[in-house]
Amino acid sequence: MSYYMSLRSIGVAVSLAAGFAVLTGAAASASAHGDTKDHLYVVNRDSANIAVIDTANDTVVAQVPVGKVPHQAILAESLGKMIVSNTQDNTISIIDLESLTTSATIALGSEPEHMALSPDGLTVAVGNIGADSVSFVSLTEARETARVSGLFEPHNLTYSPDGALLYVANLGANHVSVVDVSEARVVKDISVAAPAEVASAAGSRTIRHQGIISVTATADGRLGFAAHGDGNTLSVIDLQTQTKIKDLALNEMPWRAYASADGRTMIVPNNGDSTVSLIDIATQEVVATVPGGAEMTGVNTSPLSSIAYVISRGENKVVLLDLATRQKVGEIALPGIPETGVTSPDGGKIYVALSGTGQVAVIDVRQRTLVNIIDGVGKGAWGVSLAGAGGYCH
């Protein structure tokens, strides 16, 4: 069983209470606690809600009920909406950020998980990982407008800068699918690894792969970096021509690539041997392999520092890597199991969800230390989102 599958089993098999958490008085008027741009949103898988944290004072000001086993929350800031994928319910929730109420619940395919917002902010693409399909949902019309089949456990999704194409990372195969958004169909498959047996039809899989976790694009959208877990490689893809440029050999079981804040480095955790590969984007070469941690789930960087904060779920810590010297320079112990993190828009803080304790850890980037623990977040804190900040999910 792959590391990814072990993560998916958390929460998917959990038994939830029949009712959802209710909005408190504070939640009903959460906007009074600060502008929505100052709010941190935390996905709580086991309590089926989204915690709202005011980052001005790092306190929980609301809990918004959503569907069962929520996986990811993304923000459509121009529309004042938040979209949450509810894996067990096979739905997404559309939430009004001002009132913190659900304006629509839309039924999709089996196990919707990862999502991507179109560059114009009007459409969300949702990977139905259990149905081998991707749904396109209009946020202005609150309805599914198209569904694309012929995929293999679609994982992370990446739009082209103009929104014309969607690159789909197939976890259950060895290629990246290119979807023409206007036509809602797969127009090309980019082979990342040698052809191999792929995941079978939805509902009858007997073979598990860690194929392609993500296509991580450079800031200009020209290049994409796709790690192939089973092949221990990283493919560099020209996203303008939809062709593979080269393969880079990595260490065992690479997870996915994370781009540094300065756009110079791709950082790839290798969960098979607890190392991290550093790739120079300009030369497209591996420049260092450094110690990491067990079960790494994410990497956060800040424009204020050359430090990469690598989250180790297996060791309850964050590993500090200096991208300038390409060395490990420290660790930060955490009081619970860390999942994913998000860097504040000003670069000063990193917020990390702690699933086992239902907390959020706050790391000060300048001090490189843990400065606060936010309690009362919810059960199974899983993912974090901030307006104006790039995020990621498992």
Protein backbone atom coordinates (compact mmCIF):
# COMPACT_ATOMS: atom_id res chain seq x y z
CA MET A 1 0.00 0.00 0.00
CA SER A 2 1.40 3.38 -0.98
CA TYR A 3 1.94 6.24 1.45
CA TYR A 4 -0.80 8.13 -0.37
CA MET A 5 -3.29 5.33 0.22
CA SER A 6 -2.45 5.23 3.92
CA LEU A 7 -3.25 8.95 4.08
CA ARG A 8 -6.53 8.52 2.25
CA SER A 9 -7.63 5.85 4.70
CA ILE A 10 -7.48 8.39 7.52
CA GLY A 11 -10.92 9.85 7.85
CA VAL A 12 -12.46 7.97 4.90
CA ALA A 13 -13.12 5.00 7.11
CA VAL A 14 -13.87 7.06 10.18
CA SER A 15 -17.38 6.90 11.62
CA LEU A 16 -18.88 10.34 11.95
CA ALA A 17 -21.62 11.55 14.22
CA ALA A 18 -24.98 11.86 12.55
CA GLY A 19 -25.24 15.59 13.01
CA PHE A 20 -22.91 18.39 12.04
CA ALA A 21 -21.48 21.03 14.34
CA VAL A 22 -23.69 24.09 14.55
CA LEU A 23 -22.70 27.69 14.07
CA THR A 24 -22.15 29.52 17.32
CA GLY A 25 -23.16 33.13 17.87
CA ALA A 26 -19.59 34.13 17.13
CA ALA A 27 -19.70 32.14 13.91
CA ALA A 28 -22.86 33.80 12.70
CA SER A 29 -21.09 37.13 12.65
CA ALA A 30 -17.51 36.05 12.16
CA SER A 31 -16.81 38.88 9.75
CA ALA A 32 -17.04 41.21 12.74
CA HIS A 33 -13.83 39.63 14.05
CA GLY A 34 -11.84 40.93 11.11
CA ASP A 35 -11.85 41.17 7.35
CA THR A 36 -12.28 37.83 5.59
CA LYS A 37 -8.84 38.32 4.04
CA ASP A 38 -7.42 37.86 7.55
CA HIS A 39 -9.17 34.54 8.07
CA LEU A 40 -7.51 31.14 8.08
CA TYR A 41 -9.77 28.24 7.08
CA VAL A 42 -9.06 24.78 8.46
CA VAL A 43 -10.61 21.60 7.05
CA ASN A 44 -11.63 19.26 9.89
CA ARG A 45 -12.20 15.82 8.40
CA ASP A 46 -13.55 14.03 11.46
CA SER A 47 -15.88 16.77 12.71
CA ALA A 48 -17.09 17.61 9.18
CA ASN A 49 -16.62 21.34 9.44
CA ILE A 50 -14.38 24.25 8.57
CA ALA A 51 -12.81 26.20 11.42
CA VAL A 52 -12.38 29.92 10.83
CA ILE A 53 -9.41 31.52 12.57
CA ASP A 54 -8.82 35.26 12.80
CA THR A 55 -5.09 35.62 12.10
CA ALA A 56 -5.03 39.05 13.76
CA ASN A 57 -5.09 37.28 17.11
CA ASP A 58 -4.91 33.60 16.06
CA THR A 59 -8.20 32.59 17.65
CA VAL A 60 -11.06 30.42 16.38
CA VAL A 61 -14.07 32.62 15.60
CA ALA A 62 -16.37 30.18 13.77
CA GLN A 63 -16.98 26.59 12.74
CA VAL A 64 -18.94 26.06 9.53
CA PRO A 65 -20.61 22.67 8.90
CA VAL A 66 -19.90 20.94 5.58
CA GLY A 67 -20.27 17.41 4.21
CA LYS A 68 -18.73 14.21 5.51
CA VAL A 69 -14.94 13.81 5.37
CA PRO A 70 -14.06 17.15 3.78
CA HIS A 71 -10.74 17.01 1.99
CA GLN A 72 -9.79 20.41 0.61
CA ALA A 73 -10.99 24.01 0.79
CA ILE A 74 -10.11 26.60 -1.84
CA LEU A 75 -11.01 30.28 -1.95
CA ALA A 76 -12.61 32.08 -4.88
CA GLU A 77 -11.75 35.50 -3.52
CA SER A 78 -13.25 37.58 -6.35
CA LEU A 79 -16.64 35.96 -5.71
CA GLY A 80 -16.35 35.89 -1.92
CA LYS A 81 -16.78 32.14 -1.83
CA MET A 82 -15.09 29.05 -0.42
CA ILE A 83 -15.41 25.63 -2.06
CA VAL A 84 -15.03 22.46 0.00
CA SER A 85 -14.79 18.93 -1.40
CA ASN A 86 -16.72 16.38 0.69
CA THR A 87 -15.17 13.01 -0.10
CA GLN A 88 -17.60 10.68 1.63
CA ASP A 89 -20.70 12.59 0.52
CA ASN A 90 -19.60 12.84 -3.14
CA THR A 91 -20.40 16.56 -3.06
CA ILE A 92 -18.84 19.98 -2.88
CA SER A 93 -20.08 22.79 -0.64
CA ILE A 94 -20.06 26.40 -1.80
CA ILE A 95 -19.85 28.74 1.19
CA ASP A 96 -20.36 32.50 1.29
CA LEU A 97 -17.33 33.95 3.06
CA GLU A 98 -19.15 36.97 4.46
CA SER A 99 -22.06 35.15 6.09
CA LEU A 100 -20.29 31.79 6.50
CA THR A 101 -23.34 29.96 5.25
CA THR A 102 -23.61 27.28 2.59
CA SER A 103 -25.15 28.70 -0.58
CA ALA A 104 -25.08 25.43 -2.55
CA THR A 105 -24.29 21.74 -2.23
CA ILE A 106 -23.53 20.09 -5.56
CA ALA A 107 -23.47 16.33 -6.16
CA LEU A 108 -20.50 15.13 -8.23
CA GLY A 109 -18.76 11.82 -8.91
CA SER A 110 -17.33 9.34 -6.43
CA GLU A 111 -14.85 10.69 -3.86
CA PRO A 112 -14.23 14.28 -4.95
CA GLU A 113 -10.94 15.36 -3.41
CA HIS A 114 -8.52 17.75 -5.09
CA MET A 115 -9.66 20.95 -6.75
CA ALA A 116 -8.25 23.82 -8.81
CA LEU A 117 -9.69 27.27 -9.40
CA SER A 118 -9.64 28.59 -12.97
CA PRO A 119 -7.48 31.68 -13.59
CA ASP A 120 -10.59 33.86 -13.98
CA GLY A 121 -11.89 32.61 -10.63
CA LEU A 122 -15.28 31.57 -12.02
CA THR A 123 -14.92 27.80 -12.37
CA VAL A 124 -13.61 25.06 -10.14
CA ALA A 125 -12.26 21.77 -11.47
CA VAL A 126 -12.79 18.83 -9.12
CA GLY A 127 -11.08 15.45 -9.34
CA ASN A 128 -13.48 12.59 -8.60
CA ILE A 129 -10.74 10.18 -7.65
CA GLY A 130 -13.10 7.24 -7.10
CA ALA A 131 -14.82 7.74 -10.45
CA ASP A 132 -11.78 8.42 -12.66
CA SER A 133 -13.28 11.73 -13.76
CA VAL A 134 -12.97 15.49 -13.41
CA SER A 135 -15.99 17.78 -12.95
CA PHE A 136 -16.14 21.42 -13.98
CA VAL A 137 -18.42 23.51 -11.77
CA SER A 138 -19.58 27.05 -12.55
CA LEU A 139 -19.40 29.10 -9.36
CA THR A 140 -21.70 31.79 -10.72
CA GLU A 141 -24.36 29.25 -11.72
CA ALA A 142 -23.66 26.82 -8.83
CA ARG A 143 -23.89 23.75 -11.07
CA GLU A 144 -21.73 21.14 -12.73
CA THR A 145 -21.31 22.15 -16.37
CA ALA A 146 -19.20 19.24 -17.68
CA ARG A 147 -17.59 15.97 -16.63
CA VAL A 148 -14.48 14.46 -18.23
CA SER A 149 -13.89 10.70 -18.03
CA GLY A 150 -11.01 8.52 -19.18
CA LEU A 151 -8.71 9.43 -16.29
CA PHE A 152 -6.99 7.22 -13.70
CA GLU A 153 -7.48 8.34 -10.11
CA PRO A 154 -7.13 12.06 -10.85
CA HIS A 155 -5.11 13.70 -8.11
CA ASN A 156 -3.85 17.30 -8.20
CA LEU A 157 -5.06 19.54 -11.02
CA THR A 158 -3.20 22.42 -12.69
CA TYR A 159 -4.65 25.05 -15.03
CA SER A 160 -2.65 26.66 -17.81
CA PRO A 161 -2.22 30.43 -17.24
CA ASP A 162 -4.91 31.24 -19.82
CA GLY A 163 -7.32 28.65 -18.42
CA ALA A 164 -7.63 26.84 -21.74
CA LEU A 165 -6.03 23.60 -20.54
CA LEU A 166 -6.14 21.53 -17.38
CA TYR A 167 -3.26 19.20 -16.54
CA VAL A 168 -4.41 16.17 -14.56
CA ALA A 169 -1.99 14.14 -12.46
CA ASN A 170 -3.12 10.50 -12.64
CA LEU A 171 -2.24 8.79 -9.39
CA GLY A 172 -3.23 5.42 -10.86
CA ALA A 173 -1.21 5.70 -14.06
CA ASN A 174 2.12 6.85 -15.45
CA HIS A 175 1.01 9.83 -17.51
CA VAL A 176 -0.34 13.35 -17.21
CA SER A 177 -3.62 13.96 -19.01
CA VAL A 178 -4.21 17.23 -20.85
CA VAL A 179 -7.85 18.34 -20.85
CA ASP A 180 -9.21 20.94 -23.26
CA VAL A 181 -11.44 22.94 -20.93
CA SER A 182 -13.79 24.36 -23.56
CA GLU A 183 -14.32 20.94 -25.15
CA ALA A 184 -14.30 19.08 -21.80
CA ARG A 185 -12.26 16.17 -23.12
CA VAL A 186 -8.79 14.67 -22.86
CA VAL A 187 -6.80 15.79 -25.88
CA LYS A 188 -3.39 14.37 -25.00
CA ASP A 189 -1.55 12.13 -22.55
CA ILE A 190 2.02 13.05 -21.62
CA SER A 191 3.95 9.91 -20.73
CA VAL A 192 6.01 10.41 -17.60
CA ALA A 193 7.22 6.84 -17.09
CA ALA A 194 7.38 3.66 -19.12
CA PRO A 195 3.92 2.25 -19.90
CA ALA A 196 2.70 -0.04 -17.17
CA GLU A 197 -0.52 -1.56 -15.97
CA VAL A 198 -2.79 1.25 -14.83
CA ALA A 199 -5.58 1.38 -12.31
CA SER A 200 -8.61 -0.56 -13.42
CA ALA A 201 -12.14 0.75 -13.78
CA ALA A 202 -13.61 2.64 -10.86
CA GLY A 203 -14.85 0.38 -8.10
CA SER A 204 -12.88 -2.69 -9.17
CA ARG A 205 -9.24 -1.76 -8.61
CA THR A 206 -6.93 -4.54 -7.51
CA ILE A 207 -3.57 -2.89 -8.25
CA ARG A 208 -2.33 0.21 -6.44
CA HIS A 209 0.14 2.66 -7.88
CA GLN A 210 1.78 5.83 -6.74
CA GLY A 211 1.87 7.30 -10.18
CA ILE A 212 1.69 11.07 -10.61
CA ILE A 213 0.81 13.07 -7.50
CA SER A 214 0.98 16.55 -8.98
CA VAL A 215 2.14 18.71 -11.85
CA THR A 216 3.80 21.66 -10.12
CA ALA A 217 4.04 24.62 -12.47
CA THR A 218 6.65 27.36 -12.44
CA ALA A 219 5.40 30.87 -11.71
CA ASP A 220 5.24 31.72 -15.43
CA GLY A 221 3.36 28.52 -16.22
CA ARG A 222 5.99 27.45 -18.74
CA LEU A 223 7.31 24.33 -17.05
CA GLY A 224 5.69 21.60 -15.00
CA PHE A 225 7.44 19.19 -12.63
CA ALA A 226 5.79 15.79 -12.17
CA ALA A 227 7.16 13.29 -9.67
CA HIS A 228 6.56 9.61 -10.41
CA GLY A 229 6.44 7.78 -7.09
CA ASP A 230 6.87 4.22 -8.33
CA GLY A 231 9.66 5.19 -10.73
CA ASN A 232 11.70 7.41 -8.38
CA THR A 233 11.89 10.11 -11.06
CA LEU A 234 10.88 13.69 -11.68
CA SER A 235 9.79 14.65 -15.19
CA VAL A 236 10.22 18.18 -16.50
CA ILE A 237 7.36 19.02 -18.86
CA ASP A 238 7.04 21.89 -21.33
CA LEU A 239 3.48 22.97 -20.58
CA GLN A 240 3.30 25.11 -23.72
CA THR A 241 3.95 22.21 -26.09
CA GLN A 242 2.70 19.45 -23.76
CA THR A 243 5.92 17.45 -24.19
CA LYS A 244 8.36 15.95 -21.72
CA ILE A 245 11.76 17.64 -21.73
CA LYS A 246 13.72 15.30 -19.48
CA ASP A 247 13.67 12.93 -16.51
CA LEU A 248 15.60 13.46 -13.30
CA ALA A 249 16.56 10.55 -11.06
CA LEU A 250 15.46 11.08 -7.46
CA ASN A 251 15.59 9.02 -4.31
CA GLU A 252 12.98 6.50 -3.23
CA MET A 253 9.26 7.23 -3.56
CA PRO A 254 9.18 10.98 -4.32
CA TRP A 255 5.94 12.62 -3.18
CA ARG A 256 5.55 15.79 -5.23
CA ALA A 257 7.40 18.99 -6.11
CA TYR A 258 6.93 22.25 -4.20
CA ALA A 259 8.14 25.54 -5.66
CA SER A 260 10.16 27.89 -3.46
CA ALA A 261 8.83 31.39 -2.87
CA ASP A 262 11.63 32.93 -4.96
CA GLY A 263 10.86 30.64 -7.91
CA ARG A 264 14.37 29.24 -8.09
CA THR A 265 14.01 25.78 -6.55
CA MET A 266 11.72 22.79 -6.67
CA ILE A 267 11.71 20.88 -3.39
CA VAL A 268 10.74 17.20 -3.56
CA PRO A 269 10.29 15.02 -0.44
CA ASN A 270 11.31 11.40 -0.99
CA ASN A 271 9.19 9.42 1.45
CA GLY A 272 10.83 6.09 0.71
CA ASP A 273 14.10 7.06 2.38
CA SER A 274 13.25 10.29 4.26
CA THR A 275 15.34 12.56 2.07
CA VAL A 276 14.57 15.74 0.14
CA SER A 277 15.76 16.49 -3.40
CA LEU A 278 16.48 20.09 -4.39
CA ILE A 279 16.16 20.94 -8.10
CA ASP A 280 17.50 24.11 -9.68
CA ILE A 281 14.69 25.33 -11.93
CA ALA A 282 17.01 27.28 -14.25
CA THR A 283 19.27 24.31 -15.02
CA GLN A 284 16.61 21.64 -14.43
CA GLU A 285 19.09 19.55 -12.46
CA VAL A 286 19.18 17.99 -9.00
CA VAL A 287 21.64 20.13 -7.03
CA ALA A 288 21.40 18.46 -3.61
CA THR A 289 19.81 15.64 -1.64
CA VAL A 290 19.45 16.43 2.05
CA PRO A 291 17.97 14.76 5.15
CA GLY A 292 14.22 15.14 5.64
CA GLY A 293 11.79 13.21 7.82
CA ALA A 294 9.35 10.32 7.78
CA GLU A 295 6.04 10.66 5.89
CA MET A 296 6.55 14.18 4.60
CA THR A 297 3.26 15.80 3.62
CA GLY A 298 4.23 19.29 2.53
CA VAL A 299 6.79 22.05 2.15
CA ASN A 300 6.36 25.75 2.93
CA THR A 301 8.65 28.64 2.06
CA SER A 302 8.56 32.41 2.51
CA PRO A 303 9.96 35.37 0.55
CA LEU A 304 11.43 36.58 3.86
CA SER A 305 13.77 33.62 4.24
CA SER A 306 15.85 31.04 2.40
CA ILE A 307 14.49 28.33 4.70
CA ALA A 308 12.18 25.56 3.49
CA TYR A 309 9.91 24.18 6.20
CA VAL A 310 9.35 20.48 5.47
CA ILE A 311 6.45 18.88 7.34
CA SER A 312 7.15 15.37 8.67
CA ARG A 313 3.92 13.66 9.59
CA GLY A 314 5.72 10.52 10.73
CA GLU A 315 7.92 12.30 13.26
CA ASN A 316 5.68 15.17 14.45
CA LYS A 317 8.12 17.84 13.36
CA VAL A 318 9.11 20.39 10.77
CA VAL A 319 12.55 20.03 9.21
CA LEU A 320 14.36 23.26 8.33
CA LEU A 321 16.38 23.24 5.10
CA ASP A 322 18.45 26.22 3.98
CA LEU A 323 17.99 26.54 0.22
CA ALA A 324 20.99 28.88 -0.03
CA THR A 325 23.48 26.51 1.59
CA ARG A 326 21.50 23.39 0.63
CA GLN A 327 21.80 21.95 4.12
CA LYS A 328 19.56 20.91 6.96
CA VAL A 329 19.78 23.59 9.64
CA GLY A 330 17.32 22.51 12.30
CA GLU A 331 14.02 21.02 13.38
CA ILE A 332 10.89 22.26 15.11
CA ALA A 333 9.07 19.70 17.27
CA LEU A 334 5.27 19.77 17.12
CA PRO A 335 2.80 18.58 19.79
CA GLY A 336 0.63 16.63 17.36
CA ILE A 337 0.52 14.96 13.94
CA PRO A 338 1.14 17.62 11.28
CA GLU A 339 -0.70 17.45 7.98
CA THR A 340 -0.31 20.48 5.71
CA GLY A 341 0.68 24.11 6.11
CA VAL A 342 0.16 27.53 4.58
CA THR A 343 2.38 30.61 4.59
CA SER A 344 0.73 33.91 5.47
CA PRO A 345 0.55 36.47 2.62
CA ASP A 346 3.16 38.67 4.29
CA GLY A 347 5.47 35.68 4.66
CA GLY A 348 5.81 36.08 8.40
CA LYS A 349 3.99 32.99 9.67
CA ILE A 350 3.40 29.39 8.72
CA TYR A 351 0.23 27.70 9.95
CA VAL A 352 0.30 23.89 10.24
CA ALA A 353 -2.78 21.73 10.84
CA LEU A 354 -2.35 19.10 13.59
CA SER A 355 -4.82 16.27 12.99
CA GLY A 356 -4.45 14.19 16.13
CA THR A 357 -4.96 17.05 18.58
CA GLY A 358 -7.29 19.26 16.53
CA GLN A 359 -4.96 22.23 16.75
CA VAL A 360 -3.03 24.56 14.48
CA ALA A 361 0.66 25.26 15.08
CA VAL A 362 1.99 28.75 14.34
CA ILE A 363 5.62 29.10 13.26
CA ASP A 364 7.37 32.47 13.12
CA VAL A 365 9.47 32.58 9.94
CA ARG A 366 11.96 35.18 11.16
CA GLN A 367 12.53 33.45 14.49
CA ARG A 368 12.32 29.92 13.03
CA THR A 369 10.43 28.81 16.12
CA LEU A 370 7.01 27.58 17.19
CA VAL A 371 5.32 30.63 18.71
CA ASN A 372 1.74 29.56 19.28
CA ILE A 373 -0.69 26.65 19.36
CA ILE A 374 -4.31 27.40 18.46
CA ASP A 375 -6.71 25.16 20.37
CA GLY A 376 -10.32 24.20 19.73
CA VAL A 377 -9.94 23.95 15.96
CA GLY A 378 -11.87 20.71 15.38
CA LYS A 379 -11.44 16.98 14.98
CA GLY A 380 -9.00 15.75 12.37
CA ALA A 381 -7.56 19.09 11.28
CA TRP A 382 -6.34 18.33 7.77
CA GLY A 383 -5.77 21.29 5.48
CA VAL A 384 -5.37 25.05 5.77
CA SER A 385 -6.25 27.92 3.42
CA LEU A 386 -5.62 31.66 3.53
CA ALA A 387 -6.78 34.40 1.21
CA GLY A 388 -3.87 35.67 -0.87
CA ALA A 389 -1.70 32.67 -0.06
CA GLY A 390 -0.86 29.65 -2.15
CA GLY A 391 -1.87 26.34 -0.59
CA TYR A 392 -1.73 22.64 -1.25
CA CYS A 393 -3.34 19.46 -0.05
CA HIS A 394 -2.24 15.89 0.57
